[in-house]
Each structure stands twice: as C-alpha cells, then as structure tokens.
Amino acid sequence: MSTQFTLHTIPITTVVNGQSVEKVSRCKYLGRISDDELKWKLHTENVYKKVMLFYIPVFFMVLKYMQTPNLPSLIN
C-alpha cells in the first residue's frame, strides 16, 4: 500500500500601498547583493571580483614603487 503526495504551489502576490511588488531572484541594497534565499554567495563573489580586478594590481604597483631607491627620500 503506497501513498502518493502532490506538491502544489500557490502563487503569492505581495501588495504595498496598493501596488503589487515584483519578486526578483537577486537585488542590491545598501551595497549588499542578496538573493531570494538571503545567502551571501553572490555578494562574496562580487567582492572577490572587485578585489582581484582593482586592489591586487594597485598593491603590486605600490610594492614596486616601495622597492625603488627613492624610498629613503620619501621618508625624510
């Protein structure tokens, strides 16, 4: 004897001030990217990309400049 269950989804409409609100899979609010499950994966991937594209090259440029003989003249 087996029992089968059927899962039904009911569409839910959110209304604020008389206007329906669209459901999205991700959004950016106050600089933080959120997905529809409120997980941090999209945000951390975005921050990682920014670091790799901008901050790492800048770091190596500063490091190269600091290894030049001009460094003592900058300190004094």
C-alpha atoms as a PDB file:
ATOM      1  CA  MET A   1       0.000   0.000   0.000  1.00  0.00           C
ATOM      2  CA  SER A   2       1.633   3.248  -1.089  1.00  0.00           C
ATOM      3  CA  THR A   3       0.507   6.793  -0.777  1.00  0.00           C
ATOM      4  CA  GLN A   4       1.384   9.495  -3.306  1.00  0.00           C
ATOM      5  CA  PHE A   5       1.505  13.145  -2.448  1.00  0.00           C
ATOM      6  CA  THR A   6       1.323  16.005  -4.899  1.00  0.00           C
ATOM      7  CA  LEU A   7       3.012  19.282  -4.064  1.00  0.00           C
ATOM      8  CA  HIS A   8       1.043  22.325  -5.143  1.00  0.00           C
ATOM      9  CA  THR A   9       2.484  25.794  -5.115  1.00  0.00           C
ATOM     10  CA  ILE A  10       0.241  28.744  -4.559  1.00  0.00           C
ATOM     11  CA  PRO A  11       1.368  31.988  -6.177  1.00  0.00           C
ATOM     12  CA  ILE A  12       1.574  34.746  -3.591  1.00  0.00           C
ATOM     13  CA  THR A  13       1.192  38.364  -4.596  1.00  0.00           C
ATOM     14  CA  THR A  14       2.714  40.979  -2.311  1.00  0.00           C
ATOM     15  CA  VAL A  15       0.963  44.335  -2.293  1.00  0.00           C
ATOM     16  CA  VAL A  16       2.385  47.524  -0.746  1.00  0.00           C
ATOM     17  CA  ASN A  17       0.348  50.750  -0.805  1.00  0.00           C
ATOM     18  CA  GLY A  18      -1.979  49.260  -3.384  1.00  0.00           C
ATOM     19  CA  GLN A  19       0.796  48.272  -5.811  1.00  0.00           C
ATOM     20  CA  SER A  20       1.999  44.720  -6.339  1.00  0.00           C
ATOM     21  CA  VAL A  21       5.694  44.067  -5.700  1.00  0.00           C
ATOM     22  CA  GLU A  22       7.650  42.059  -8.245  1.00  0.00           C
ATOM     23  CA  LYS A  23       9.593  39.051  -6.959  1.00  0.00           C
ATOM     24  CA  VAL A  24      13.206  39.026  -8.152  1.00  0.00           C
ATOM     25  CA  SER A  25      15.944  36.440  -7.776  1.00  0.00           C
ATOM     26  CA  ARG A  26      18.543  38.989  -6.597  1.00  0.00           C
ATOM     27  CA  CYS A  27      18.822  42.632  -5.652  1.00  0.00           C
ATOM     28  CA  LYS A  28      21.422  45.100  -4.431  1.00  0.00           C
ATOM     29  CA  TYR A  29      20.536  47.200  -1.387  1.00  0.00           C
ATOM     30  CA  LEU A  30      22.973  49.414   0.540  1.00  0.00           C
ATOM     31  CA  GLY A  31      25.863  47.807  -1.331  1.00  0.00           C
ATOM     32  CA  ARG A  32      24.987  44.243  -0.357  1.00  0.00           C
ATOM     33  CA  ILE A  33      23.788  41.803  -3.002  1.00  0.00           C
ATOM     34  CA  SER A  34      21.085  39.459  -1.735  1.00  0.00           C
ATOM     35  CA  ASP A  35      19.483  36.515  -3.454  1.00  0.00           C
ATOM     36  CA  ASP A  36      15.966  35.223  -2.901  1.00  0.00           C
ATOM     37  CA  GLU A  37      17.253  32.880  -0.167  1.00  0.00           C
ATOM     38  CA  LEU A  38      19.214  35.645   1.646  1.00  0.00           C
ATOM     39  CA  LYS A  39      22.538  33.883   1.116  1.00  0.00           C
ATOM     40  CA  TRP A  40      25.886  35.671   0.881  1.00  0.00           C
ATOM     41  CA  LYS A  41      27.346  33.774  -2.096  1.00  0.00           C
ATOM     42  CA  LEU A  42      26.551  36.397  -4.774  1.00  0.00           C
ATOM     43  CA  HIS A  43      27.857  39.202  -2.557  1.00  0.00           C
ATOM     44  CA  THR A  44      31.130  37.470  -1.708  1.00  0.00           C
ATOM     45  CA  GLU A  45      31.724  36.571  -5.372  1.00  0.00           C
ATOM     46  CA  ASN A  46      31.174  40.213  -6.350  1.00  0.00           C
ATOM     47  CA  VAL A  47      33.564  41.496  -3.654  1.00  0.00           C
ATOM     48  CA  TYR A  48      36.187  38.926  -4.712  1.00  0.00           C
ATOM     49  CA  LYS A  49      35.968  40.082  -8.343  1.00  0.00           C
ATOM     50  CA  LYS A  50      36.405  43.722  -7.305  1.00  0.00           C
ATOM     51  CA  VAL A  51      39.449  42.889  -5.185  1.00  0.00           C
ATOM     52  CA  MET A  52      41.073  40.844  -7.914  1.00  0.00           C
ATOM     53  CA  LEU A  53      40.427  43.450 -10.622  1.00  0.00           C
ATOM     54  CA  PHE A  54      41.422  46.591  -8.740  1.00  0.00           C
ATOM     55  CA  TYR A  55      43.159  46.179  -5.398  1.00  0.00           C
ATOM     56  CA  ILE A  56      45.648  43.436  -6.262  1.00  0.00           C
ATOM     57  CA  PRO A  57      47.184  45.360  -9.220  1.00  0.00           C
ATOM     58  CA  VAL A  58      47.341  48.522  -7.091  1.00  0.00           C
ATOM     59  CA  PHE A  59      49.077  46.581  -4.335  1.00  0.00           C
ATOM     60  CA  PHE A  60      51.760  45.351  -6.736  1.00  0.00           C
ATOM     61  CA  MET A  61      52.261  48.852  -8.164  1.00  0.00           C
ATOM     62  CA  VAL A  62      52.804  50.235  -4.643  1.00  0.00           C
ATOM     63  CA  LEU A  63      55.108  47.346  -3.792  1.00  0.00           C
ATOM     64  CA  LYS A  64      57.174  48.008  -6.925  1.00  0.00           C
ATOM     65  CA  TYR A  65      57.430  51.698  -6.053  1.00  0.00           C
ATOM     66  CA  MET A  66      58.491  50.935  -2.469  1.00  0.00           C
ATOM     67  CA  GLN A  67      61.377  48.794  -3.716  1.00  0.00           C
ATOM     68  CA  THR A  68      62.931  51.666  -5.656  1.00  0.00           C
ATOM     69  CA  PRO A  69      65.918  53.678  -4.335  1.00  0.00           C
ATOM     70  CA  ASN A  70      63.614  56.711  -3.977  1.00  0.00           C
ATOM     71  CA  LEU A  71      62.023  55.344  -0.822  1.00  0.00           C
ATOM     72  CA  PRO A  72      64.523  56.943   1.650  1.00  0.00           C
ATOM     73  CA  SER A  73      63.884  60.362   0.083  1.00  0.00           C
ATOM     74  CA  LEU A  74      60.159  59.949   0.686  1.00  0.00           C
ATOM     75  CA  ILE A  75      60.652  59.142   4.364  1.00  0.00           C
ATOM     76  CA  ASN A  76      62.967  62.065   5.200  1.00  0.00           C
END
